[in-house]
Amino acid sequence: MSKKAGTPAYAPVYVESKLLKLDDVSVAHDSGHRDVDEDRVLELYEKVILAGRWGQASLSRPKLRYDPAGRPMAASDGRSKLADGKHCIAALKKAAETVAQSDDATQLEWYTGEIKDILTVGMRFDCIKFLDDDEAAVKLFYTMAHEQEANKLRTTSVEHKIKLVRAYVAKDAENAMVEILGKSRRSTIHNWCKATAVLKEPVLIKLKEKPDLPQGLVFTNKYFVGQGEETRFLLEPEQQIAALQLFYDFCDGRGTVSSIPTFMSDFCAPMLKAQLWCQLVMKKYSSVVSRLPAYDRCQKMLWSERGRTCMRLGVGLSGDPKIEGSGIPECVSVLQGLKNLAAGRAVDEAESAVDAAKATVTEHKLVVEGGDDESGILADDSTMEAPLVEKDPVLEKAEELGLSVRSNIHLFHDMKTFGDGFVGLCRATTRGGIYIDEATSKAKIILGDMAELWKVVTSVVDRQYVSMGIFCGKRHDLVTLVVNLGWHRVLSRLVGRLLCSALLRLKSKTAGRPSWVESVTKASG
């Protein structure tokens, strides 16, 4: 039988269905495809089993693992080895313990129907096998099956995906995983690989604190995984952790999770502003920064909610020397202290300048959100408090829409970077356009660029899903050239599920003007 379209290259084969008691099923470290997360087990136990939602929630039946010959496999504890569903089995075993400890199990409202049958008689498992025993490939298959969009209760963590990619490094991770899961998953795998190359261990640990937040906060965030042209937006691990902590507190305070564009604009962007300011200060005053403790306190303040609020409201960090009271007081004070030290003045004189600046903070009339002085640099912060600044809901929605559109626009300044980036932008449900802005109208250069562009695009996308158009302007001779080269066959293609239309815009000659490629992608649903 031929493989169905869309079926991963490395997919399990059904062997049989089997009834087993829970005690005979292993939840050991080598059973299943990932370690047990106690928080996830507790979530299933409380929100599915105790809530009486067993059979209603979107949970697939746990599966047992057989070897390629179709024989049952055992885990290290001698019990039957799971292929998938370890958290589900762990939650059921927790329910069995509750029943065993109960004086009268009949009084437990949830202990009825299918749950009661499972705990007393046993559970029916689908038994599956893979074509070989490559554990990394099996884990990869189930990691994709547990991608976050599939089911809230069985999400695969960012950390697990990073570990999986690292396991494939020796095999050329991205291509090896695409070979197993198929080209339709290339974009998702590309995002995992980008995160693996950039994210540091402390950030992964921080992400584990809120495992149910949208993983787009990381995988589609230029402040966390920016590459190529977006490298300039990349935050250092300390700033990434600070942005996540502020976002966690913000979401906990509101009781809802804000959108990814809001996280990027209201939390990551201010952290980048603070990061750049600190880098400039260190570059200019590196020889004396260690002698001014106030700098460390100022840096912590910038990572606090009050610092974020100041930067989000557009308050300049250093201020304008010509405008009295401008800037964030702590930053202005620290800069003055560093200037004094750099000029060779005594440390105590520099610190006294900082103290003097503290005393005048109340004269700045800076309107920010109220809050405690986390930095300890101000003697009296009570006069700084003001009502919470509420953003117009219509304006906030418009800003989020603008950011979501801009996040789908990608600029490339040469064909090489375009070729590297295009692979990660293509998805099976994507429609998009690619525009080349040429600095010349010479046919040889234009058609050469188009041929190179065509080669890159069709190496990823099947030709039947690509159409190309040319705006010739007054260069009617280009029409003949294009037809002679066979591009008319391209223009006649119907646009299918994936559209990547290349439009060539011809400009008048402009000396020294660089060519660039603008790739616009937009998910169709």
Protein backbone atom coordinates (compact mmCIF):
# COMPACT_ATOMS: atom_id res chain seq x y z
CA MET A 1 0.00 0.00 0.00
CA SER A 2 1.38 3.42 -0.89
CA LYS A 3 1.86 6.01 1.82
CA LYS A 4 -0.95 8.56 2.14
CA ALA A 5 -0.19 12.13 1.13
CA GLY A 6 0.90 14.14 4.12
CA THR A 7 1.93 11.06 6.13
CA PRO A 8 5.32 11.56 7.85
CA ALA A 9 8.17 9.58 6.34
CA TYR A 10 8.76 7.92 9.72
CA ALA A 11 5.32 6.85 10.95
CA PRO A 12 4.25 4.01 13.30
CA VAL A 13 2.54 0.85 12.07
CA TYR A 14 -0.48 -0.54 13.95
CA VAL A 15 0.02 -4.11 15.24
CA GLU A 16 -2.87 -4.97 17.55
CA SER A 17 -5.11 -3.83 20.40
CA LYS A 18 -4.39 -5.16 23.87
CA LEU A 19 -6.02 -5.01 27.34
CA LEU A 20 -3.60 -4.46 30.24
CA LYS A 21 -3.85 -3.52 33.91
CA LEU A 22 -2.24 -0.19 34.83
CA ASP A 23 0.25 -1.94 37.13
CA ASP A 24 1.67 -3.76 34.11
CA VAL A 25 2.43 -0.52 32.23
CA SER A 26 5.70 1.36 32.82
CA VAL A 27 6.17 5.09 33.43
CA ALA A 28 9.94 4.69 33.92
CA HIS A 29 12.44 7.11 32.38
CA ASP A 30 12.90 4.95 29.27
CA SER A 31 9.18 4.39 28.70
CA GLY A 32 7.45 6.79 26.29
CA HIS A 33 9.16 9.60 24.42
CA ARG A 34 9.75 12.19 27.19
CA ASP A 35 10.22 12.51 30.93
CA VAL A 36 7.27 12.80 33.29
CA ASP A 37 6.29 16.38 34.12
CA GLU A 38 4.56 16.30 37.52
CA ASP A 39 2.72 19.56 36.79
CA ARG A 40 1.27 18.04 33.62
CA VAL A 41 0.24 14.90 35.48
CA LEU A 42 -1.51 16.99 38.14
CA GLU A 43 -3.28 18.98 35.43
CA LEU A 44 -4.66 15.83 33.80
CA TYR A 45 -5.61 14.38 37.18
CA GLU A 46 -7.54 17.48 38.32
CA LYS A 47 -8.92 18.91 35.07
CA VAL A 48 -9.80 15.67 33.32
CA ILE A 49 -10.22 12.80 35.78
CA LEU A 50 -11.54 14.55 38.91
CA ALA A 51 -13.58 16.97 36.78
CA GLY A 52 -15.39 14.02 35.18
CA ARG A 53 -14.15 14.93 31.69
CA TRP A 54 -12.58 11.57 30.87
CA GLY A 55 -13.74 10.62 27.40
CA GLN A 56 -14.72 14.24 26.64
CA ALA A 57 -11.26 15.86 26.58
CA SER A 58 -9.15 15.63 23.43
CA LEU A 59 -6.83 12.85 24.57
CA SER A 60 -5.66 10.11 22.25
CA ARG A 61 -5.50 6.53 23.53
CA PRO A 62 -2.09 5.64 25.06
CA LYS A 63 0.01 3.36 22.87
CA LEU A 64 2.35 0.49 23.65
CA ARG A 65 5.67 0.12 21.83
CA TYR A 66 6.55 -3.05 19.91
CA ASP A 67 9.89 -3.80 18.23
CA PRO A 68 10.23 -3.88 14.41
CA ALA A 69 9.48 -7.62 14.47
CA GLY A 70 6.12 -6.97 16.15
CA ARG A 71 7.06 -8.22 19.64
CA PRO A 72 6.20 -6.36 22.89
CA MET A 73 9.00 -4.20 24.32
CA ALA A 74 9.77 -3.84 28.04
CA ALA A 75 11.09 -0.81 29.93
CA SER A 76 13.90 -0.90 32.50
CA ASP A 77 11.46 -1.85 35.27
CA GLY A 78 10.25 -4.93 33.36
CA ARG A 79 6.79 -3.55 32.60
CA SER A 80 5.34 -2.91 29.14
CA LYS A 81 6.99 0.01 27.37
CA LEU A 82 4.86 2.95 26.25
CA ALA A 83 5.21 4.69 22.92
CA ASP A 84 2.94 7.59 23.87
CA GLY A 85 0.58 8.62 26.66
CA LYS A 86 2.92 8.44 29.67
CA HIS A 87 1.38 11.47 31.40
CA CYS A 88 -2.08 10.00 30.92
CA ILE A 89 -1.04 6.70 32.51
CA ALA A 90 0.73 8.52 35.37
CA ALA A 91 -2.48 10.50 36.05
CA LEU A 92 -4.55 7.30 36.06
CA LYS A 93 -2.11 5.66 38.49
CA LYS A 94 -2.49 8.71 40.73
CA ALA A 95 -6.26 8.23 40.57
CA ALA A 96 -5.80 4.54 41.50
CA GLU A 97 -3.83 5.61 44.58
CA THR A 98 -6.67 7.95 45.57
CA VAL A 99 -9.18 5.10 45.28
CA ALA A 100 -6.95 2.75 47.28
CA GLN A 101 -6.63 5.31 50.10
CA SER A 102 -10.36 6.07 50.18
CA ASP A 103 -12.51 4.43 52.89
CA ASP A 104 -15.47 4.28 50.51
CA ALA A 105 -14.59 4.70 46.84
CA THR A 106 -18.28 4.74 45.88
CA GLN A 107 -18.50 8.22 47.42
CA LEU A 108 -16.05 9.58 44.83
CA GLU A 109 -18.21 11.26 42.17
CA TRP A 110 -15.69 10.72 39.39
CA TYR A 111 -15.19 7.01 40.16
CA THR A 112 -17.78 5.71 37.67
CA GLY A 113 -18.13 4.50 34.12
CA GLU A 114 -14.98 4.13 32.02
CA ILE A 115 -12.64 5.39 34.75
CA LYS A 116 -13.87 2.71 37.14
CA ASP A 117 -13.47 0.03 34.45
CA ILE A 118 -9.90 1.16 33.71
CA LEU A 119 -8.88 1.13 37.38
CA THR A 120 -10.46 -2.23 38.11
CA VAL A 121 -10.34 -4.26 34.88
CA GLY A 122 -7.65 -2.57 32.83
CA MET A 123 -7.17 -0.30 29.83
CA ARG A 124 -7.15 -1.10 26.14
CA PHE A 125 -4.01 0.04 24.33
CA ASP A 126 -3.15 0.40 20.66
CA CYS A 127 0.12 -1.46 20.05
CA ILE A 128 2.37 0.03 17.38
CA LYS A 129 5.84 -0.55 15.94
CA PHE A 130 8.36 1.51 13.97
CA LEU A 131 10.45 0.29 11.07
CA ASP A 132 13.62 0.40 13.19
CA ASP A 133 14.70 1.15 16.75
CA ASP A 134 16.10 4.66 16.21
CA GLU A 135 14.99 6.23 19.51
CA ALA A 136 15.78 9.77 18.31
CA ALA A 137 13.49 9.34 15.30
CA VAL A 138 10.67 7.98 17.49
CA LYS A 139 10.99 10.93 19.88
CA LEU A 140 11.00 13.33 16.94
CA PHE A 141 7.78 11.84 15.55
CA TYR A 142 5.93 12.22 18.84
CA THR A 143 7.36 15.67 19.54
CA MET A 144 5.76 16.87 16.32
CA ALA A 145 2.54 15.03 17.20
CA HIS A 146 2.51 16.96 20.48
CA GLU A 147 3.16 20.34 18.88
CA GLN A 148 1.43 23.06 20.92
CA GLU A 149 -1.34 23.78 18.44
CA ALA A 150 -2.53 20.15 18.60
CA ASN A 151 -3.77 19.97 22.18
CA LYS A 152 -3.34 22.22 25.20
CA LEU A 153 -3.12 19.29 27.60
CA ARG A 154 -0.30 17.49 25.80
CA THR A 155 2.02 20.23 24.64
CA THR A 156 5.72 19.59 24.13
CA SER A 157 7.87 22.13 25.97
CA VAL A 158 10.39 24.45 24.33
CA GLU A 159 13.16 22.79 26.36
CA HIS A 160 12.23 19.32 25.05
CA LYS A 161 12.31 20.55 21.46
CA ILE A 162 15.73 22.14 21.99
CA LYS A 163 17.10 18.88 23.45
CA LEU A 164 15.68 16.98 20.50
CA VAL A 165 17.41 19.23 17.96
CA ARG A 166 20.69 18.91 19.87
CA ALA A 167 20.39 15.13 19.62
CA TYR A 168 20.32 15.53 15.84
CA VAL A 169 23.25 17.93 15.54
CA ALA A 170 25.62 15.19 14.45
CA LYS A 171 23.15 14.26 11.69
CA ASP A 172 22.66 17.77 10.21
CA ALA A 173 19.64 18.41 12.42
CA GLU A 174 17.26 20.25 10.12
CA ASN A 175 17.62 18.06 7.02
CA ALA A 176 17.64 14.86 9.09
CA MET A 177 14.38 15.78 10.82
CA VAL A 178 12.74 16.97 7.59
CA GLU A 179 13.63 13.62 6.01
CA ILE A 180 11.75 11.86 8.81
CA LEU A 181 8.73 14.16 9.18
CA GLY A 182 8.36 15.35 5.61
CA LYS A 183 8.76 18.71 3.85
CA SER A 184 5.43 20.01 5.16
CA ARG A 185 7.07 20.29 8.61
CA ARG A 186 10.19 22.10 7.39
CA SER A 187 9.06 25.50 8.68
CA THR A 188 8.32 24.22 12.20
CA ILE A 189 11.62 22.35 12.34
CA HIS A 190 13.45 25.45 11.09
CA ASN A 191 12.01 27.42 14.02
CA TRP A 192 13.19 24.76 16.47
CA CYS A 193 16.69 24.83 14.99
CA LYS A 194 16.88 28.62 15.19
CA ALA A 195 15.89 28.51 18.86
CA THR A 196 18.45 25.78 19.55
CA ALA A 197 21.25 27.90 18.12
CA VAL A 198 20.35 31.01 20.12
CA LEU A 199 18.53 30.26 23.40
CA LYS A 200 20.67 29.76 26.50
CA GLU A 201 19.99 27.36 29.36
CA PRO A 202 18.87 30.04 31.90
CA VAL A 203 16.20 31.20 29.43
CA LEU A 204 14.92 27.63 28.95
CA ILE A 205 14.68 27.25 32.72
CA LYS A 206 12.69 30.49 32.90
CA LEU A 207 10.30 29.29 30.18
CA LYS A 208 9.52 26.16 32.22
CA GLU A 209 7.83 28.36 34.83
CA LYS A 210 4.91 29.01 32.45
CA PRO A 211 4.70 25.96 30.13
CA ASP A 212 1.23 26.82 28.82
CA LEU A 213 2.07 30.25 27.40
CA PRO A 214 2.07 30.45 23.57
CA GLN A 215 5.44 29.23 22.30
CA GLY A 216 5.31 31.90 19.62
CA LEU A 217 6.66 34.16 22.36
CA VAL A 218 9.98 32.49 21.53
CA PHE A 219 9.87 30.75 18.15
CA THR A 220 8.54 33.75 16.16
CA ASN A 221 10.11 36.49 18.28
CA LYS A 222 13.05 38.37 16.75
CA TYR A 223 14.08 39.54 20.23
CA PHE A 224 14.68 35.89 21.24
CA VAL A 225 15.72 34.06 18.04
CA GLY A 226 16.54 36.84 15.58
CA GLN A 227 18.91 35.84 12.79
CA GLY A 228 20.24 37.57 9.67
CA GLU A 229 18.80 41.07 9.43
CA GLU A 230 16.98 40.59 12.75
CA THR A 231 20.17 39.95 14.74
CA ARG A 232 20.23 43.59 15.79
CA PHE A 233 17.03 43.01 17.78
CA LEU A 234 18.41 40.01 19.71
CA LEU A 235 18.32 40.43 23.51
CA GLU A 236 20.98 39.11 25.85
CA PRO A 237 19.84 36.22 28.11
CA GLU A 238 19.57 38.57 31.14
CA GLN A 239 17.22 40.89 29.24
CA GLN A 240 15.21 37.96 27.86
CA ILE A 241 14.67 36.63 31.38
CA ALA A 242 13.75 40.12 32.63
CA ALA A 243 11.21 40.56 29.82
CA LEU A 244 9.67 37.15 30.55
CA GLN A 245 9.40 37.87 34.28
CA LEU A 246 7.69 41.22 33.67
CA PHE A 247 5.33 39.54 31.20
CA TYR A 248 4.53 36.76 33.68
CA ASP A 249 3.68 39.33 36.36
CA PHE A 250 1.63 41.36 33.90
CA CYS A 251 -0.42 38.33 32.78
CA ASP A 252 -0.91 37.12 36.36
CA GLY A 253 -2.17 40.58 37.34
CA ARG A 254 -4.71 40.67 34.50
CA GLY A 255 -5.66 37.01 34.70
CA THR A 256 -5.29 36.64 30.94
CA VAL A 257 -2.40 36.10 28.52
CA SER A 258 -1.63 39.08 26.29
CA SER A 259 -0.86 38.62 22.60
CA ILE A 260 2.57 37.92 21.15
CA PRO A 261 2.74 41.35 19.40
CA THR A 262 2.04 43.00 22.78
CA PHE A 263 4.86 41.03 24.40
CA MET A 264 7.24 42.14 21.67
CA SER A 265 6.27 45.83 21.62
CA ASP A 266 5.60 46.49 25.33
CA PHE A 267 8.14 44.16 26.98
CA CYS A 268 10.91 43.13 24.58
CA ALA A 269 11.35 46.49 22.84
CA PRO A 270 11.92 48.37 26.15
CA MET A 271 14.43 45.70 27.21
CA LEU A 272 16.32 46.23 23.94
CA LYS A 273 16.40 49.96 24.62
CA ALA A 274 17.85 49.30 28.10
CA GLN A 275 20.34 46.81 26.67
CA LEU A 276 21.65 49.25 24.06
CA TRP A 277 21.97 52.01 26.67
CA CYS A 278 23.97 49.74 28.99
CA GLN A 279 26.21 48.63 26.12
CA LEU A 280 26.98 52.23 25.18
CA VAL A 281 27.71 53.16 28.79
CA MET A 282 30.03 50.15 29.21
CA LYS A 283 31.83 50.96 25.97
CA LYS A 284 32.43 54.59 26.94
CA TYR A 285 33.12 54.16 30.66
CA SER A 286 34.38 50.57 30.91
CA SER A 287 37.41 51.63 32.96
CA VAL A 288 35.39 53.24 35.74
CA VAL A 289 31.99 51.47 35.77
CA SER A 290 33.14 48.97 38.40
CA ARG A 291 33.91 51.88 40.76
CA LEU A 292 30.34 53.17 40.75
CA PRO A 293 27.90 50.76 42.51
CA ALA A 294 25.01 52.97 41.47
CA TYR A 295 25.39 51.65 37.91
CA ASP A 296 24.33 48.11 38.93
CA ARG A 297 21.33 49.49 40.80
CA CYS A 298 20.39 51.59 37.78
CA GLN A 299 20.60 48.55 35.52
CA LYS A 300 18.27 46.57 37.79
CA MET A 301 15.85 49.49 37.80
CA LEU A 302 15.72 49.42 33.99
CA TRP A 303 14.75 45.76 34.18
CA SER A 304 11.91 46.55 36.61
CA GLU A 305 8.30 47.42 35.86
CA ARG A 306 8.96 51.12 36.55
CA GLY A 307 11.87 51.17 34.13
CA ARG A 308 9.83 49.36 31.49
CA THR A 309 7.00 51.83 31.90
CA CYS A 310 9.32 54.81 31.45
CA MET A 311 10.79 53.39 28.26
CA ARG A 312 7.40 52.30 26.89
CA LEU A 313 6.12 55.86 27.39
CA GLY A 314 9.04 57.17 25.36
CA VAL A 315 11.06 58.75 28.17
CA GLY A 316 14.68 59.17 26.99
CA LEU A 317 17.10 57.38 29.29
CA SER A 318 19.91 59.92 29.32
CA GLY A 319 17.76 62.98 28.71
CA ASP A 320 18.70 66.15 26.87
CA PRO A 321 21.29 68.39 28.59
CA LYS A 322 19.46 71.41 27.16
CA ILE A 323 16.18 70.39 28.79
CA GLU A 324 16.15 70.51 32.57
CA GLY A 325 14.58 67.49 34.25
CA SER A 326 14.54 65.32 31.09
CA GLY A 327 15.51 61.66 31.08
CA ILE A 328 15.18 58.92 33.69
CA PRO A 329 16.67 60.32 36.94
CA GLU A 330 18.69 57.21 37.80
CA CYS A 331 20.29 57.09 34.33
CA VAL A 332 21.09 60.81 34.35
CA SER A 333 22.64 60.51 37.82
CA VAL A 334 24.76 57.50 36.88
CA LEU A 335 26.05 59.20 33.73
CA GLN A 336 27.07 62.23 35.74
CA GLY A 337 28.83 60.03 38.28
CA LEU A 338 30.71 58.17 35.53
CA LYS A 339 31.74 61.42 33.89
CA ASN A 340 33.16 62.62 37.21
CA LEU A 341 35.10 59.39 37.68
CA ALA A 342 36.37 59.47 34.12
CA ALA A 343 37.58 63.01 34.70
CA GLY A 344 39.73 61.75 37.57
CA ARG A 345 37.63 63.03 40.45
CA ALA A 346 37.43 61.16 43.74
CA VAL A 347 34.93 58.34 44.19
CA ASP A 348 33.25 60.03 47.11
CA GLU A 349 32.77 63.18 45.01
CA ALA A 350 31.16 61.11 42.27
CA GLU A 351 28.84 59.40 44.75
CA SER A 352 27.94 62.78 46.23
CA ALA A 353 26.87 63.92 42.77
CA VAL A 354 24.55 60.92 42.61
CA ASP A 355 23.15 61.73 46.07
CA ALA A 356 22.60 65.33 45.03
CA ALA A 357 20.67 64.17 41.98
CA LYS A 358 18.45 61.98 44.20
CA ALA A 359 17.35 65.00 46.19
CA THR A 360 16.07 66.73 43.07
CA VAL A 361 14.08 63.79 41.72
CA THR A 362 10.78 65.23 42.95
CA GLU A 363 11.31 68.29 40.73
CA HIS A 364 11.33 66.29 37.49
CA LYS A 365 7.53 65.91 37.38
CA LEU A 366 7.90 62.58 35.54
CA VAL A 367 4.54 60.83 35.12
CA VAL A 368 4.99 57.07 35.33
CA GLU A 369 3.19 54.14 36.90
CA GLY A 370 3.44 54.06 40.67
CA GLY A 371 5.50 51.36 42.34
CA ASP A 372 8.25 50.58 44.82
CA ASP A 373 11.78 51.80 44.20
CA GLU A 374 13.35 48.43 43.44
CA SER A 375 16.76 49.90 42.70
CA GLY A 376 17.21 51.60 46.09
CA ILE A 377 18.73 54.62 44.38
CA LEU A 378 16.00 57.06 45.39
CA ALA A 379 15.54 58.27 48.94
CA ASP A 380 11.90 59.26 48.49
CA ASP A 381 9.81 57.86 45.66
CA SER A 382 6.37 58.52 47.11
CA THR A 383 5.87 61.63 45.00
CA MET A 384 6.51 59.65 41.81
CA GLU A 385 3.25 57.69 42.02
CA ALA A 386 0.52 58.42 39.52
CA PRO A 387 -2.69 56.75 38.28
CA LEU A 388 -2.26 53.72 36.03
CA VAL A 389 -1.94 54.74 32.40
CA GLU A 390 -4.71 52.97 30.47
CA LYS A 391 -4.24 52.50 26.74
CA ASP A 392 -7.19 53.07 24.41
CA PRO A 393 -8.50 49.57 23.47
CA VAL A 394 -9.03 50.66 19.85
CA LEU A 395 -5.50 52.05 19.64
CA GLU A 396 -4.06 48.94 21.29
CA LYS A 397 -5.89 46.70 18.80
CA ALA A 398 -4.66 48.81 15.89
CA GLU A 399 -1.06 48.61 17.14
CA GLU A 400 -1.30 44.81 17.52
CA LEU A 401 -2.71 44.52 13.98
CA GLY A 402 0.11 46.66 12.61
CA LEU A 403 2.73 44.57 14.40
CA SER A 404 1.17 41.32 13.19
CA VAL A 405 1.33 42.56 9.58
CA ARG A 406 4.90 43.84 9.95
CA SER A 407 5.98 40.52 11.43
CA ASN A 408 5.15 38.92 8.06
CA ILE A 409 7.40 41.27 6.07
CA HIS A 410 11.01 40.21 5.66
CA LEU A 411 13.80 42.18 3.96
CA PHE A 412 16.83 40.60 2.32
CA HIS A 413 19.68 42.59 0.81
CA ASP A 414 21.26 39.84 -1.26
CA MET A 415 20.28 36.54 -2.83
CA LYS A 416 22.33 34.42 -0.41
CA THR A 417 20.55 35.63 2.72
CA PHE A 418 17.24 35.33 0.88
CA GLY A 419 18.00 31.70 0.02
CA ASP A 420 18.84 30.92 3.65
CA GLY A 421 15.76 32.69 5.02
CA PHE A 422 13.18 31.59 2.45
CA VAL A 423 13.28 27.96 3.62
CA GLY A 424 12.02 28.94 7.07
CA LEU A 425 9.27 31.22 5.72
CA CYS A 426 7.51 28.66 3.51
CA ARG A 427 4.58 26.78 5.01
CA ALA A 428 2.06 24.46 3.40
CA THR A 429 -0.79 26.95 4.01
CA THR A 430 1.08 30.14 3.11
CA ARG A 431 0.36 32.65 0.41
CA GLY A 432 2.96 35.26 -0.30
CA GLY A 433 4.68 37.51 -2.75
CA ILE A 434 8.35 38.17 -3.47
CA TYR A 435 9.35 41.54 -4.89
CA ILE A 436 12.72 42.37 -6.46
CA ASP A 437 13.66 46.03 -6.61
CA GLU A 438 16.34 46.36 -9.28
CA ALA A 439 18.82 49.22 -9.51
CA THR A 440 19.00 48.88 -13.30
CA SER A 441 16.79 48.08 -16.26
CA LYS A 442 19.39 46.04 -18.13
CA ALA A 443 17.74 42.86 -19.35
CA LYS A 444 20.75 40.65 -18.69
CA ILE A 445 20.91 41.61 -15.01
CA ILE A 446 17.15 41.50 -14.49
CA LEU A 447 16.61 38.12 -16.12
CA GLY A 448 19.69 36.74 -14.35
CA ASP A 449 18.25 37.74 -10.99
CA MET A 450 14.91 36.21 -11.91
CA ALA A 451 16.54 32.94 -12.92
CA GLU A 452 18.41 32.81 -9.61
CA LEU A 453 15.25 33.66 -7.69
CA TRP A 454 13.33 30.97 -9.57
CA LYS A 455 16.01 28.42 -8.69
CA VAL A 456 15.79 29.24 -4.96
CA VAL A 457 11.98 29.21 -4.81
CA THR A 458 11.46 26.01 -6.79
CA SER A 459 14.04 24.19 -4.68
CA VAL A 460 11.55 24.47 -1.82
CA VAL A 461 8.15 24.81 -3.51
CA ASP A 462 6.79 22.63 -6.29
CA ARG A 463 6.66 24.49 -9.60
CA GLN A 464 2.93 23.99 -10.01
CA TYR A 465 2.35 26.25 -7.02
CA VAL A 466 4.52 29.15 -8.25
CA SER A 467 3.68 31.92 -10.69
CA MET A 468 5.90 34.78 -11.84
CA GLY A 469 4.94 38.12 -13.32
CA ILE A 470 7.01 40.94 -14.80
CA PHE A 471 6.24 44.66 -14.84
CA CYS A 472 8.06 45.84 -17.94
CA GLY A 473 7.00 49.49 -17.90
CA LYS A 474 8.13 51.06 -21.19
CA ARG A 475 10.70 48.33 -21.85
CA HIS A 476 8.56 46.43 -24.36
CA ASP A 477 11.62 44.60 -25.62
CA LEU A 478 11.69 42.70 -22.32
CA VAL A 479 8.46 40.94 -23.26
CA THR A 480 10.13 39.33 -26.26
CA LEU A 481 13.17 38.35 -24.21
CA VAL A 482 11.03 36.76 -21.53
CA VAL A 483 8.95 34.76 -24.02
CA ASN A 484 12.08 33.56 -25.81
CA LEU A 485 13.53 32.34 -22.51
CA GLY A 486 10.41 30.32 -21.78
CA TRP A 487 9.05 32.38 -18.87
CA HIS A 488 5.62 32.42 -20.54
CA ARG A 489 5.20 28.85 -19.34
CA VAL A 490 5.68 30.06 -15.78
CA LEU A 491 3.17 32.89 -16.21
CA SER A 492 0.52 30.47 -17.40
CA ARG A 493 0.67 28.35 -14.21
CA LEU A 494 -2.42 28.30 -12.04
CA VAL A 495 -1.93 29.42 -8.44
CA GLY A 496 -2.51 26.47 -6.12
CA ARG A 497 -2.47 25.99 -2.36
CA LEU A 498 0.88 27.72 -2.02
CA LEU A 499 1.45 30.91 -3.98
CA CYS A 500 4.84 32.58 -4.23
CA SER A 501 4.43 35.22 -6.93
CA ALA A 502 7.57 37.03 -7.97
CA LEU A 503 6.97 40.52 -9.30
CA LEU A 504 9.87 42.37 -10.91
CA ARG A 505 9.63 46.14 -10.60
CA LEU A 506 11.84 48.01 -13.06
CA LYS A 507 13.21 51.36 -11.89
CA SER A 508 15.18 54.00 -13.73
CA LYS A 509 18.94 53.82 -13.23
CA THR A 510 20.11 55.10 -9.87
CA ALA A 511 23.86 55.00 -9.33
CA GLY A 512 24.94 53.07 -6.27
CA ARG A 513 21.45 51.98 -5.33
CA PRO A 514 21.54 48.45 -3.86
CA SER A 515 19.15 45.69 -4.87
CA TRP A 516 16.97 44.18 -2.21
CA VAL A 517 14.35 41.53 -1.95
CA GLU A 518 11.19 41.98 0.08
CA SER A 519 9.45 38.77 0.97
CA VAL A 520 5.90 39.07 2.24
CA THR A 521 4.27 36.04 3.82
CA LYS A 522 0.81 35.79 5.25
CA ALA A 523 -0.88 32.70 6.66
CA SER A 524 -4.10 31.88 4.88
CA GLY A 525 -5.64 30.19 7.90
